C-alpha atoms as a PDB file:
ATOM      1  CA  MET A   1      12.017   4.907  18.497  1.00  0.00           C
ATOM      2  CA  ALA A   2      11.108   6.691  15.273  1.00  0.00           C
ATOM      3  CA  ASN A   3       9.891   4.602  12.370  1.00  0.00           C
ATOM      4  CA  ARG A   4      12.308   4.201   9.500  1.00  0.00           C
ATOM      5  CA  TYR A   5       9.580   4.612   6.862  1.00  0.00           C
ATOM      6  CA  ARG A   6       7.206   7.510   6.331  1.00  0.00           C
ATOM      7  CA  ALA A   7       3.753   7.253   4.779  1.00  0.00           C
ATOM      8  CA  SER A   8       5.089   9.084   1.716  1.00  0.00           C
ATOM      9  CA  ASP A   9       7.508   6.200   1.124  1.00  0.00           C
ATOM     10  CA  PHE A  10       4.468   4.111   0.103  1.00  0.00           C
ATOM     11  CA  ASP A  11       3.359   6.479  -2.632  1.00  0.00           C
ATOM     12  CA  TYR A  12       3.674   5.310  -6.219  1.00  0.00           C
ATOM     13  CA  ASP A  13       2.252   6.412  -9.574  1.00  0.00           C
ATOM     14  CA  TYR A  14       0.016   4.227 -11.680  1.00  0.00           C
ATOM     15  CA  PRO A  15      -1.945   4.856 -14.889  1.00  0.00           C
ATOM     16  CA  ARG A  16      -5.686   5.194 -14.387  1.00  0.00           C
ATOM     17  CA  GLU A  17      -6.305   2.574 -17.077  1.00  0.00           C
ATOM     18  CA  ALA A  18      -4.439  -0.009 -14.974  1.00  0.00           C
ATOM     19  CA  VAL A  19      -7.274  -0.075 -12.429  1.00  0.00           C
ATOM     20  CA  ALA A  20      -9.402  -3.118 -13.192  1.00  0.00           C
ATOM     21  CA  GLN A  21     -13.021  -2.025 -13.522  1.00  0.00           C
ATOM     22  CA  ARG A  22     -14.444  -5.525 -14.026  1.00  0.00           C
ATOM     23  CA  PRO A  23     -13.304  -9.049 -13.267  1.00  0.00           C
ATOM     24  CA  LEU A  24     -11.895 -11.318 -15.964  1.00  0.00           C
ATOM     25  CA  PRO A  25     -14.315 -13.899 -17.385  1.00  0.00           C
ATOM     26  CA  GLU A  26     -12.378 -16.673 -15.705  1.00  0.00           C
ATOM     27  CA  ARG A  27     -11.330 -16.324 -12.054  1.00  0.00           C
ATOM     28  CA  SER A  28      -8.033 -18.168 -12.372  1.00  0.00           C
ATOM     29  CA  GLY A  29      -7.131 -16.470 -15.670  1.00  0.00           C
ATOM     30  CA  SER A  30      -5.520 -13.552 -13.820  1.00  0.00           C
ATOM     31  CA  ARG A  31      -1.762 -13.018 -13.931  1.00  0.00           C
ATOM     32  CA  LEU A  32       0.406 -13.913 -10.957  1.00  0.00           C
ATOM     33  CA  LEU A  33       3.576 -12.067 -10.088  1.00  0.00           C
ATOM     34  CA  VAL A  34       5.726 -14.343  -7.943  1.00  0.00           C
ATOM     35  CA  LEU A  35       8.216 -12.552  -5.682  1.00  0.00           C
ATOM     36  CA  GLU A  36      10.944 -14.435  -3.811  1.00  0.00           C
ATOM     37  CA  ARG A  37      11.366 -12.723  -0.449  1.00  0.00           C
ATOM     38  CA  GLU A  38      15.006 -13.497   0.104  1.00  0.00           C
ATOM     39  CA  SER A  39      16.458 -12.633  -3.321  1.00  0.00           C
ATOM     40  CA  GLY A  40      13.838 -10.252  -4.728  1.00  0.00           C
ATOM     41  CA  THR A  41      13.647 -12.395  -7.881  1.00  0.00           C
ATOM     42  CA  ILE A  42      10.428 -11.878  -9.834  1.00  0.00           C
ATOM     43  CA  HIS A  43       8.645 -14.437 -12.011  1.00  0.00           C
ATOM     44  CA  HIS A  44       5.611 -13.801 -14.186  1.00  0.00           C
ATOM     45  CA  ARG A  45       3.034 -16.584 -14.145  1.00  0.00           C
ATOM     46  CA  ARG A  46      -0.729 -17.199 -14.329  1.00  0.00           C
ATOM     47  CA  PHE A  47      -2.829 -17.819 -11.244  1.00  0.00           C
ATOM     48  CA  ARG A  48      -3.732 -21.261 -12.515  1.00  0.00           C
ATOM     49  CA  ASP A  49      -0.035 -22.101 -11.952  1.00  0.00           C
ATOM     50  CA  LEU A  50      -0.447 -21.537  -8.204  1.00  0.00           C
ATOM     51  CA  PRO A  51      -0.939 -25.205  -7.167  1.00  0.00           C
ATOM     52  CA  GLY A  52       2.537 -25.949  -8.474  1.00  0.00           C
ATOM     53  CA  LEU A  53       3.999 -23.508  -5.941  1.00  0.00           C
ATOM     54  CA  LEU A  54       2.463 -25.390  -2.998  1.00  0.00           C
ATOM     55  CA  ASP A  55       3.942 -28.423  -1.265  1.00  0.00           C
ATOM     56  CA  ALA A  56       2.254 -31.365   0.469  1.00  0.00           C
ATOM     57  CA  GLY A  57       1.666 -30.501   4.092  1.00  0.00           C
ATOM     58  CA  ASP A  58       1.391 -26.762   3.510  1.00  0.00           C
ATOM     59  CA  ALA A  59      -1.636 -24.999   4.998  1.00  0.00           C
ATOM     60  CA  LEU A  60      -3.593 -22.548   2.835  1.00  0.00           C
ATOM     61  CA  VAL A  61      -5.529 -20.128   5.019  1.00  0.00           C
ATOM     62  CA  VAL A  62      -8.618 -18.468   3.461  1.00  0.00           C
ATOM     63  CA  ASN A  63     -10.979 -15.852   4.806  1.00  0.00           C
ATOM     64  CA  THR A  64     -14.556 -17.114   4.342  1.00  0.00           C
ATOM     65  CA  SER A  65     -16.242 -13.809   5.184  1.00  0.00           C
ATOM     66  CA  ARG A  66     -19.050 -12.919   2.756  1.00  0.00           C
ATOM     67  CA  VAL A  67     -19.711  -9.413   1.474  1.00  0.00           C
ATOM     68  CA  ILE A  68     -23.218  -8.170   2.291  1.00  0.00           C
ATOM     69  CA  PRO A  69     -25.178  -5.794   0.023  1.00  0.00           C
ATOM     70  CA  ALA A  70     -24.602  -3.107   2.620  1.00  0.00           C
ATOM     71  CA  ARG A  71     -25.014   0.066   0.515  1.00  0.00           C
ATOM     72  CA  LEU A  72     -28.592   1.249   0.991  1.00  0.00           C
ATOM     73  CA  ARG A  73     -30.129   4.146  -0.903  1.00  0.00           C
ATOM     74  CA  GLY A  74     -33.263   5.695   0.497  1.00  0.00           C
ATOM     75  CA  VAL A  75     -35.126   8.994   0.769  1.00  0.00           C
ATOM     76  CA  ARG A  76     -35.050  11.642   3.522  1.00  0.00           C
ATOM     77  CA  ASP A  77     -38.166  13.349   4.810  1.00  0.00           C
ATOM     78  CA  ASN A  78     -37.576  16.231   2.352  1.00  0.00           C
ATOM     79  CA  GLY A  79     -37.634  13.823  -0.570  1.00  0.00           C
ATOM     80  CA  ARG A  80     -33.923  13.945  -1.252  1.00  0.00           C
ATOM     81  CA  GLU A  81     -31.747  10.852  -1.558  1.00  0.00           C
ATOM     82  CA  ALA A  82     -29.577   9.567   1.249  1.00  0.00           C
ATOM     83  CA  GLU A  83     -27.194   6.673   1.432  1.00  0.00           C
ATOM     84  CA  LEU A  84     -26.244   4.363   4.275  1.00  0.00           C
ATOM     85  CA  LEU A  85     -23.292   1.970   4.269  1.00  0.00           C
ATOM     86  CA  LEU A  86     -23.969  -0.569   7.025  1.00  0.00           C
ATOM     87  CA  VAL A  87     -20.795  -1.485   8.866  1.00  0.00           C
ATOM     88  CA  HIS A  88     -21.904  -3.939  11.509  1.00  0.00           C
ATOM     89  CA  ALA A  89     -24.781  -4.838  13.850  1.00  0.00           C
ATOM     90  CA  GLU A  90     -24.689  -3.929  17.511  1.00  0.00           C
ATOM     91  CA  SER A  91     -25.900  -6.207  20.324  1.00  0.00           C
ATOM     92  CA  ASP A  92     -28.917  -3.952  20.983  1.00  0.00           C
ATOM     93  CA  GLY A  93     -30.249  -4.437  17.457  1.00  0.00           C
ATOM     94  CA  SER A  94     -28.983  -1.104  16.110  1.00  0.00           C
ATOM     95  CA  TRP A  95     -26.413  -0.778  13.331  1.00  0.00           C
ATOM     96  CA  LEU A  96     -23.333   1.351  12.836  1.00  0.00           C
ATOM     97  CA  ALA A  97     -23.406   2.966   9.425  1.00  0.00           C
ATOM     98  CA  MET A  98     -21.476   5.484   7.367  1.00  0.00           C
ATOM     99  CA  VAL A  99     -23.981   8.021   6.014  1.00  0.00           C
ATOM    100  CA  HIS A 100     -24.239  10.496   3.165  1.00  0.00           C
ATOM    101  CA  PRO A 101     -24.878  13.426   3.272  1.00  0.00           C
ATOM    102  CA  GLY A 102     -23.261  13.305   6.713  1.00  0.00           C
ATOM    103  CA  GLY A 103     -23.986  16.944   7.583  1.00  0.00           C
ATOM    104  CA  LYS A 104     -27.701  16.506   6.990  1.00  0.00           C
ATOM    105  CA  LEU A 105     -28.261  13.201   8.810  1.00  0.00           C
ATOM    106  CA  LYS A 106     -28.304  14.341  12.421  1.00  0.00           C
ATOM    107  CA  VAL A 107     -29.826  12.503  15.369  1.00  0.00           C
ATOM    108  CA  GLY A 108     -33.595  12.112  14.912  1.00  0.00           C
ATOM    109  CA  ARG A 109     -33.475  12.295  11.107  1.00  0.00           C
ATOM    110  CA  LYS A 110     -35.013   9.410   9.178  1.00  0.00           C
ATOM    111  CA  VAL A 111     -34.358   7.667   5.877  1.00  0.00           C
ATOM    112  CA  ARG A 112     -37.175   5.741   4.226  1.00  0.00           C
ATOM    113  CA  PHE A 113     -36.923   2.692   2.007  1.00  0.00           C
ATOM    114  CA  GLY A 114     -40.170   2.553   0.000  1.00  0.00           C
ATOM    115  CA  ASP A 115     -43.048   1.614   2.249  1.00  0.00           C
ATOM    116  CA  ASP A 116     -41.012  -1.170   3.835  1.00  0.00           C
ATOM    117  CA  SER A 117     -38.673   0.276   6.423  1.00  0.00           C
ATOM    118  CA  VAL A 118     -37.379   3.421   8.099  1.00  0.00           C
ATOM    119  CA  ALA A 119     -33.868   4.023   9.411  1.00  0.00           C
ATOM    120  CA  GLU A 120     -33.648   6.570  12.224  1.00  0.00           C
ATOM    121  CA  ILE A 121     -30.359   8.174  13.256  1.00  0.00           C
ATOM    122  CA  VAL A 122     -30.135   7.525  16.992  1.00  0.00           C
ATOM    123  CA  GLY A 123     -26.521   8.428  17.720  1.00  0.00           C
ATOM    124  CA  VAL A 124     -23.304   9.933  16.393  1.00  0.00           C
ATOM    125  CA  VAL A 125     -20.205   7.787  16.775  1.00  0.00           C
ATOM    126  CA  GLY A 126     -17.723  10.013  14.931  1.00  0.00           C
ATOM    127  CA  GLY A 127     -15.722   9.788  11.730  1.00  0.00           C
ATOM    128  CA  GLY A 128     -18.855   9.951   9.612  1.00  0.00           C
ATOM    129  CA  VAL A 129     -20.385   6.968  11.435  1.00  0.00           C
ATOM    130  CA  ARG A 130     -23.889   7.019  12.866  1.00  0.00           C
ATOM    131  CA  ARG A 131     -25.861   4.637  15.023  1.00  0.00           C
ATOM    132  CA  VAL A 132     -29.000   3.673  13.149  1.00  0.00           C
ATOM    133  CA  ARG A 133     -32.156   1.830  14.226  1.00  0.00           C
ATOM    134  CA  PHE A 134     -34.477   0.201  11.687  1.00  0.00           C
ATOM    135  CA  THR A 135     -38.244  -0.167  11.998  1.00  0.00           C
ATOM    136  CA  GLY A 136     -40.801  -1.481   9.536  1.00  0.00           C
ATOM    137  CA  ARG A 137     -41.937  -4.602   7.714  1.00  0.00           C
ATOM    138  CA  LEU A 138     -38.543  -5.885   6.652  1.00  0.00           C
ATOM    139  CA  GLU A 139     -35.746  -7.256   8.787  1.00  0.00           C
ATOM    140  CA  VAL A 140     -32.351  -5.795   7.861  1.00  0.00           C
ATOM    141  CA  PRO A 141     -31.167  -8.827   5.824  1.00  0.00           C
ATOM    142  CA  GLU A 142     -34.388  -8.678   3.717  1.00  0.00           C
ATOM    143  CA  LEU A 143     -33.981  -4.905   3.424  1.00  0.00           C
ATOM    144  CA  MET A 144     -30.479  -5.330   2.052  1.00  0.00           C
ATOM    145  CA  LEU A 145     -31.639  -7.893  -0.485  1.00  0.00           C
ATOM    146  CA  ARG A 146     -34.350  -5.532  -1.739  1.00  0.00           C
ATOM    147  CA  TYR A 147     -32.688  -2.156  -1.522  1.00  0.00           C
ATOM    148  CA  GLY A 148     -28.986  -2.885  -1.067  1.00  0.00           C
ATOM    149  CA  SER A 149     -26.141  -3.087  -3.518  1.00  0.00           C
ATOM    150  CA  VAL A 150     -22.580  -4.401  -3.315  1.00  0.00           C
ATOM    151  CA  PRO A 151     -20.351  -1.676  -1.851  1.00  0.00           C
ATOM    152  CA  LEU A 152     -17.771  -1.545  -4.597  1.00  0.00           C
ATOM    153  CA  PRO A 153     -14.530   0.284  -3.860  1.00  0.00           C
ATOM    154  CA  PRO A 154     -14.397   3.986  -4.823  1.00  0.00           C
ATOM    155  CA  TYR A 155     -11.803   3.379  -7.574  1.00  0.00           C
ATOM    156  CA  ILE A 156     -14.300   1.232  -9.529  1.00  0.00           C
ATOM    157  CA  GLU A 157     -15.847   4.014 -11.510  1.00  0.00           C
ATOM    158  CA  ARG A 158     -19.135   2.447 -12.484  1.00  0.00           C
ATOM    159  CA  PRO A 159     -22.400   1.538 -10.745  1.00  0.00           C
ATOM    160  CA  PRO A 160     -22.755  -1.958  -9.279  1.00  0.00           C
ATOM    161  CA  GLU A 161     -23.996  -4.541 -11.768  1.00  0.00           C
ATOM    162  CA  PRO A 162     -25.910  -7.815 -11.081  1.00  0.00           C
ATOM    163  CA  ALA A 163     -22.744  -9.815 -11.809  1.00  0.00           C
ATOM    164  CA  ASP A 164     -20.945  -8.088  -8.913  1.00  0.00           C
ATOM    165  CA  ARG A 165     -23.132  -9.981  -6.421  1.00  0.00           C
ATOM    166  CA  GLU A 166     -21.315 -13.145  -7.483  1.00  0.00           C
ATOM    167  CA  ARG A 167     -17.908 -11.858  -8.610  1.00  0.00           C
ATOM    168  CA  TYR A 168     -17.279  -9.479  -5.714  1.00  0.00           C
ATOM    169  CA  GLN A 169     -17.225 -12.613  -3.551  1.00  0.00           C
ATOM    170  CA  THR A 170     -14.858 -15.536  -3.225  1.00  0.00           C
ATOM    171  CA  VAL A 171     -16.216 -18.953  -4.235  1.00  0.00           C
ATOM    172  CA  TYR A 172     -15.856 -20.075  -0.595  1.00  0.00           C
ATOM    173  CA  ALA A 173     -17.559 -17.024   1.007  1.00  0.00           C
ATOM    174  CA  ALA A 174     -19.918 -18.318   3.688  1.00  0.00           C
ATOM    175  CA  VAL A 175     -20.123 -16.057   6.781  1.00  0.00           C
ATOM    176  CA  GLU A 176     -21.934 -12.781   6.098  1.00  0.00           C
ATOM    177  CA  GLY A 177     -20.450  -9.624   7.523  1.00  0.00           C
ATOM    178  CA  SER A 178     -17.934  -7.845   5.239  1.00  0.00           C
ATOM    179  CA  VAL A 179     -18.495  -4.520   3.489  1.00  0.00           C
ATOM    180  CA  ALA A 180     -15.371  -5.050   1.327  1.00  0.00           C
ATOM    181  CA  ALA A 181     -14.129  -8.296  -0.075  1.00  0.00           C
ATOM    182  CA  PRO A 182     -11.011 -10.252   0.832  1.00  0.00           C
ATOM    183  CA  THR A 183      -9.967  -9.850  -2.779  1.00  0.00           C
ATOM    184  CA  ALA A 184      -6.888 -12.149  -2.892  1.00  0.00           C
ATOM    185  CA  GLY A 185      -9.358 -15.022  -2.834  1.00  0.00           C
ATOM    186  CA  PHE A 186     -11.138 -13.867  -6.003  1.00  0.00           C
ATOM    187  CA  HIS A 187      -8.712 -15.862  -8.164  1.00  0.00           C
ATOM    188  CA  PHE A 188      -9.608 -19.245  -6.683  1.00  0.00           C
ATOM    189  CA  SER A 189     -12.055 -21.375  -8.668  1.00  0.00           C
ATOM    190  CA  SER A 190     -13.424 -24.687  -7.411  1.00  0.00           C
ATOM    191  CA  GLU A 191     -11.059 -26.375  -9.865  1.00  0.00           C
ATOM    192  CA  ILE A 192      -8.001 -24.620  -8.398  1.00  0.00           C
ATOM    193  CA  LEU A 193      -9.091 -25.525  -4.837  1.00  0.00           C
ATOM    194  CA  ASN A 194      -9.435 -29.159  -5.895  1.00  0.00           C
ATOM    195  CA  GLN A 195      -5.955 -29.116  -7.414  1.00  0.00           C
ATOM    196  CA  VAL A 196      -4.587 -27.650  -4.188  1.00  0.00           C
ATOM    197  CA  ALA A 197      -6.204 -30.470  -2.209  1.00  0.00           C
ATOM    198  CA  GLU A 198      -4.860 -33.102  -4.577  1.00  0.00           C
ATOM    199  CA  ARG A 199      -1.315 -31.854  -3.783  1.00  0.00           C
ATOM    200  CA  GLY A 200      -1.869 -32.683  -0.119  1.00  0.00           C
ATOM    201  CA  VAL A 201      -2.410 -29.092   0.954  1.00  0.00           C
ATOM    202  CA  GLN A 202      -4.961 -28.432   3.707  1.00  0.00           C
ATOM    203  CA  THR A 203      -7.272 -25.471   3.152  1.00  0.00           C
ATOM    204  CA  VAL A 204      -7.980 -23.738   6.480  1.00  0.00           C
ATOM    205  CA  GLU A 205     -10.992 -21.493   6.955  1.00  0.00           C
ATOM    206  CA  ILE A 206     -10.887 -18.433   9.223  1.00  0.00           C
ATOM    207  CA  VAL A 207     -13.130 -15.340   9.295  1.00  0.00           C
ATOM    208  CA  LEU A 208     -12.327 -11.629   9.332  1.00  0.00           C
ATOM    209  CA  HIS A 209     -15.138  -9.236   8.478  1.00  0.00           C
ATOM    210  CA  VAL A 210     -13.583  -6.488   6.346  1.00  0.00           C
ATOM    211  CA  GLY A 211     -14.706  -2.975   7.229  1.00  0.00           C
ATOM    212  CA  PRO A 212     -14.780   0.228   5.154  1.00  0.00           C
ATOM    213  CA  GLY A 213     -11.613   1.448   6.827  1.00  0.00           C
ATOM    214  CA  THR A 214      -9.657  -0.925   4.596  1.00  0.00           C
ATOM    215  CA  PHE A 215      -9.692   1.768   1.924  1.00  0.00           C
ATOM    216  CA  LYS A 216      -8.564   4.561   4.266  1.00  0.00           C
ATOM    217  CA  PRO A 217      -5.083   5.790   3.372  1.00  0.00           C
ATOM    218  CA  VAL A 218      -2.506   6.491   6.072  1.00  0.00           C
ATOM    219  CA  ASP A 219      -2.748  10.264   6.225  1.00  0.00           C
ATOM    220  CA  VAL A 220      -0.194  10.914   8.970  1.00  0.00           C
ATOM    221  CA  ASP A 221       3.516  11.119   8.197  1.00  0.00           C
ATOM    222  CA  ASP A 222       4.476   8.534  10.806  1.00  0.00           C
ATOM    223  CA  PRO A 223       2.652   5.232  10.152  1.00  0.00           C
ATOM    224  CA  GLY A 224       2.964   4.413  13.835  1.00  0.00           C
ATOM    225  CA  GLN A 225       0.526   7.253  14.600  1.00  0.00           C
ATOM    226  CA  HIS A 226      -2.163   5.840  12.283  1.00  0.00           C
ATOM    227  CA  ARG A 227      -5.240   4.588  14.106  1.00  0.00           C
ATOM    228  CA  MET A 228      -6.209   1.229  12.638  1.00  0.00           C
ATOM    229  CA  HIS A 229      -9.869   0.396  12.209  1.00  0.00           C
ATOM    230  CA  ALA A 230     -11.254  -2.524  14.254  1.00  0.00           C
ATOM    231  CA  GLU A 231     -12.453  -5.654  12.465  1.00  0.00           C
ATOM    232  CA  TRP A 232     -14.091  -8.797  13.923  1.00  0.00           C
ATOM    233  CA  TYR A 233     -12.261 -12.114  13.462  1.00  0.00           C
ATOM    234  CA  SER A 234     -12.752 -15.735  14.393  1.00  0.00           C
ATOM    235  CA  VAL A 235     -10.349 -18.730  14.414  1.00  0.00           C
ATOM    236  CA  SER A 236     -11.836 -22.119  15.194  1.00  0.00           C
ATOM    237  CA  GLU A 237     -10.148 -24.854  17.246  1.00  0.00           C
ATOM    238  CA  ALA A 238      -9.825 -26.949  14.059  1.00  0.00           C
ATOM    239  CA  ALA A 239      -8.220 -24.070  12.124  1.00  0.00           C
ATOM    240  CA  ALA A 240      -5.748 -23.329  14.898  1.00  0.00           C
ATOM    241  CA  GLU A 241      -4.852 -26.985  15.191  1.00  0.00           C
ATOM    242  CA  THR A 242      -4.220 -27.398  11.478  1.00  0.00           C
ATOM    243  CA  VAL A 243      -2.012 -24.302  11.264  1.00  0.00           C
ATOM    244  CA  ASN A 244      -0.045 -25.260  14.389  1.00  0.00           C
ATOM    245  CA  ARG A 245       0.461 -28.815  13.056  1.00  0.00           C
ATOM    246  CA  ALA A 246       1.862 -27.414   9.759  1.00  0.00           C
ATOM    247  CA  LYS A 247       4.237 -25.097  11.644  1.00  0.00           C
ATOM    248  CA  ALA A 248       5.412 -27.912  13.903  1.00  0.00           C
ATOM    249  CA  ALA A 249       6.133 -30.117  10.879  1.00  0.00           C
ATOM    250  CA  GLY A 250       8.184 -27.353   9.215  1.00  0.00           C
ATOM    251  CA  ARG A 251       5.610 -26.776   6.468  1.00  0.00           C
ATOM    252  CA  ARG A 252       4.556 -23.412   5.173  1.00  0.00           C
ATOM    253  CA  VAL A 253       1.488 -21.465   6.189  1.00  0.00           C
ATOM    254  CA  TRP A 254       0.060 -19.535   3.227  1.00  0.00           C
ATOM    255  CA  ALA A 255      -2.138 -16.543   4.018  1.00  0.00           C
ATOM    256  CA  VAL A 256      -4.612 -15.792   1.209  1.00  0.00           C
ATOM    257  CA  GLY A 257      -4.734 -12.036   1.540  1.00  0.00           C
ATOM    258  CA  THR A 258      -3.862  -9.400   4.093  1.00  0.00           C
ATOM    259  CA  THR A 259      -7.012 -10.196   6.079  1.00  0.00           C
ATOM    260  CA  ALA A 260      -5.960 -13.821   6.596  1.00  0.00           C
ATOM    261  CA  ALA A 261      -2.440 -12.634   7.487  1.00  0.00           C
ATOM    262  CA  ARG A 262      -3.711 -10.158  10.095  1.00  0.00           C
ATOM    263  CA  THR A 263      -6.013 -12.768  11.587  1.00  0.00           C
ATOM    264  CA  LEU A 264      -3.235 -15.319  11.929  1.00  0.00           C
ATOM    265  CA  GLU A 265      -0.821 -12.835  13.436  1.00  0.00           C
ATOM    266  CA  THR A 266      -3.542 -11.587  15.821  1.00  0.00           C
ATOM    267  CA  ALA A 267      -4.336 -15.129  16.901  1.00  0.00           C
ATOM    268  CA  ALA A 268      -0.639 -15.817  17.427  1.00  0.00           C
ATOM    269  CA  THR A 269      -0.319 -12.958  19.879  1.00  0.00           C
ATOM    270  CA  ALA A 270      -3.509 -13.899  21.776  1.00  0.00           C
ATOM    271  CA  GLY A 271      -1.886 -16.742  23.680  1.00  0.00           C
ATOM    272  CA  SER A 272       1.238 -17.282  25.816  1.00  0.00           C
ATOM    273  CA  THR A 273       3.353 -18.669  22.967  1.00  0.00           C
ATOM    274  CA  PRO A 274       3.708 -16.117  20.115  1.00  0.00           C
ATOM    275  CA  THR A 275       4.381 -18.682  17.398  1.00  0.00           C
ATOM    276  CA  VAL A 276       1.288 -20.743  18.200  1.00  0.00           C
ATOM    277  CA  VAL A 277      -2.142 -19.780  16.847  1.00  0.00           C
ATOM    278  CA  THR A 278      -4.797 -19.625  19.585  1.00  0.00           C
ATOM    279  CA  ALA A 279      -8.416 -20.309  18.740  1.00  0.00           C
ATOM    280  CA  GLY A 280     -10.850 -17.518  19.575  1.00  0.00           C
ATOM    281  CA  SER A 281     -12.762 -14.533  18.295  1.00  0.00           C
ATOM    282  CA  GLY A 282     -12.882 -10.826  18.935  1.00  0.00           C
ATOM    283  CA  TRP A 283     -11.851  -7.496  17.458  1.00  0.00           C
ATOM    284  CA  THR A 284      -8.447  -6.817  15.996  1.00  0.00           C
ATOM    285  CA  GLN A 285      -6.756  -3.477  15.317  1.00  0.00           C
ATOM    286  CA  LEU A 286      -3.408  -5.007  14.464  1.00  0.00           C
ATOM    287  CA  PHE A 287      -1.565  -2.735  12.035  1.00  0.00           C
ATOM    288  CA  ILE A 288       1.359  -4.482  10.375  1.00  0.00           C
ATOM    289  CA  TYR A 289       3.971  -2.240   8.829  1.00  0.00           C
ATOM    290  CA  PRO A 290       7.768  -2.504   8.486  1.00  0.00           C
ATOM    291  CA  PRO A 291       9.667  -3.510  10.430  1.00  0.00           C
ATOM    292  CA  TYR A 292       7.560  -6.423  11.686  1.00  0.00           C
ATOM    293  CA  GLU A 293       8.551 -10.016  12.408  1.00  0.00           C
ATOM    294  CA  PHE A 294       5.861 -12.397  11.222  1.00  0.00           C
ATOM    295  CA  LYS A 295       5.143 -15.164  13.681  1.00  0.00           C
ATOM    296  CA  VAL A 296       2.968 -17.522  11.601  1.00  0.00           C
ATOM    297  CA  VAL A 297       2.767 -16.543   7.929  1.00  0.00           C
ATOM    298  CA  ASP A 298       5.386 -18.089   5.641  1.00  0.00           C
ATOM    299  CA  ALA A 299       3.928 -17.131   2.205  1.00  0.00           C
ATOM    300  CA  LEU A 300       1.429 -14.471   1.210  1.00  0.00           C
ATOM    301  CA  LEU A 301      -1.041 -14.179  -1.648  1.00  0.00           C
ATOM    302  CA  SER A 302      -2.263 -10.683  -2.325  1.00  0.00           C
ATOM    303  CA  ASN A 303      -3.687  -8.383  -4.914  1.00  0.00           C
ATOM    304  CA  PHE A 304      -1.970  -5.078  -5.722  1.00  0.00           C
ATOM    305  CA  HIS A 305      -2.958  -2.332  -3.250  1.00  0.00           C
ATOM    306  CA  LEU A 306      -3.474   1.414  -3.235  1.00  0.00           C
ATOM    307  CA  PRO A 307      -0.618   3.779  -2.432  1.00  0.00           C
ATOM    308  CA  ARG A 308      -0.280   4.697   1.266  1.00  0.00           C
ATOM    309  CA  SER A 309      -2.682   1.923   2.265  1.00  0.00           C
ATOM    310  CA  THR A 310      -2.272  -0.190   5.359  1.00  0.00           C
ATOM    311  CA  LEU A 311      -2.514  -3.211   3.019  1.00  0.00           C
ATOM    312  CA  LEU A 312       0.537  -2.149   0.998  1.00  0.00           C
ATOM    313  CA  MET A 313       2.417  -1.563   4.234  1.00  0.00           C
ATOM    314  CA  LEU A 314       1.633  -5.103   5.380  1.00  0.00           C
ATOM    315  CA  VAL A 315       2.961  -6.498   2.064  1.00  0.00           C
ATOM    316  CA  ALA A 316       6.134  -4.436   2.474  1.00  0.00           C
ATOM    317  CA  ALA A 317       6.557  -5.712   6.039  1.00  0.00           C
ATOM    318  CA  PHE A 318       6.393  -9.269   4.696  1.00  0.00           C
ATOM    319  CA  ALA A 319       8.388  -9.015   1.450  1.00  0.00           C
ATOM    320  CA  GLY A 320      10.690  -6.184   2.448  1.00  0.00           C
ATOM    321  CA  TYR A 321      10.167  -2.578   1.468  1.00  0.00           C
ATOM    322  CA  GLU A 322      12.598  -2.423  -1.487  1.00  0.00           C
ATOM    323  CA  HIS A 323      11.480  -5.761  -2.934  1.00  0.00           C
ATOM    324  CA  THR A 324       7.851  -4.684  -2.712  1.00  0.00           C
ATOM    325  CA  MET A 325       8.237  -1.318  -4.420  1.00  0.00           C
ATOM    326  CA  VAL A 326      10.412  -2.833  -7.157  1.00  0.00           C
ATOM    327  CA  ALA A 327       7.788  -5.482  -7.743  1.00  0.00           C
ATOM    328  CA  TYR A 328       5.027  -2.885  -7.941  1.00  0.00           C
ATOM    329  CA  ARG A 329       7.012  -0.874 -10.473  1.00  0.00           C
ATOM    330  CA  GLU A 330       7.613  -4.036 -12.500  1.00  0.00           C
ATOM    331  CA  ALA A 331       3.895  -4.963 -12.350  1.00  0.00           C
ATOM    332  CA  ILE A 332       2.893  -1.517 -13.679  1.00  0.00           C
ATOM    333  CA  ALA A 333       5.569  -1.704 -16.410  1.00  0.00           C
ATOM    334  CA  GLN A 334       4.256  -5.134 -17.432  1.00  0.00           C
ATOM    335  CA  GLN A 335       0.661  -3.816 -17.455  1.00  0.00           C
ATOM    336  CA  TYR A 336      -0.733  -5.896 -14.635  1.00  0.00           C
ATOM    337  CA  ARG A 337      -4.307  -5.067 -13.629  1.00  0.00           C
ATOM    338  CA  LEU A 338      -4.545  -3.363 -10.272  1.00  0.00           C
ATOM    339  CA  PHE A 339      -6.646  -3.496  -7.089  1.00  0.00           C
ATOM    340  CA  SER A 340      -9.774  -5.469  -6.227  1.00  0.00           C
ATOM    341  CA  TYR A 341     -10.640  -6.921  -9.616  1.00  0.00           C
ATOM    342  CA  GLY A 342      -7.022  -6.982 -10.718  1.00  0.00           C
ATOM    343  CA  ASP A 343      -4.168  -9.481 -10.836  1.00  0.00           C
ATOM    344  CA  ALA A 344      -2.410 -11.282  -7.994  1.00  0.00           C
ATOM    345  CA  MET A 345       0.957 -11.518  -6.319  1.00  0.00           C
ATOM    346  CA  ALA A 346       2.511 -14.474  -4.509  1.00  0.00           C
ATOM    347  CA  ILE A 347       5.321 -13.705  -2.067  1.00  0.00           C
ATOM    348  CA  ILE A 348       7.263 -16.833  -1.196  1.00  0.00           C
END
């Protein structure tokens, strides 16, 4: 059956100055657009008001993946610069990496990082991705600390700054592995999390390591033909039990961000009962776009996303297409800050 929506339906115009280039001084000082799913009613709040939207017994699911300084700049044998964006480690000790200049970095070519380490291209995976093997004095984590930088999104039109190492992370980031941040969590401060706990809300930790494909627009007309990138996720027994207990009690499960939503929906389809979250880990390529019936998520926190992105399509699947696009137009008219370092949206 043909999809009702085309990729072009998720285009929208926004002023360049609406793209947040830096975070606000205070995490929870961002604005919060609250969208009621059923009616489409919109409220304008501040993120510090979020705890008041939560009820005792609700489960707040956060992605604790930590962004690694995965963008490495080195020198080729001819003395010219090269860049590697490490995506993830393979079981044989090699890494998959996106490379630049892609046409120059063929198998056998090397990139040097001072006198410390050498990266050799040992395979071509496709889509600009190479298999890379490191040799030298430094292990890869040490190499990233010395030569790496935070891989900021392409719409942030400035070089990485020291402050990005802290602010392009959530306060609860713990498990290293992402090359892009689960940005809906940026707005949570320790104080806000404490207020959430005081209301009797359980914070549930899951992991999904965000890959560079998160920024890839859907470039085919039929979203159903889009090939979703694979990302590694993990749901513990304790996390699954807490979410399932909330569902059984008729409480709401809040997903903090599209990554948490995809993880929960993936874990719900992993077992025999589709409305029950199953503990486990693995790779997910779940692409959520309208129409889609959510099995676990009852409320969604999200930033504002790029046109034609899989992230925007997930939001539209949850809130409804018309409600979503009206809310985006309203946010732009009200001068909300957009994208990773921008403002937030709560869909309830």
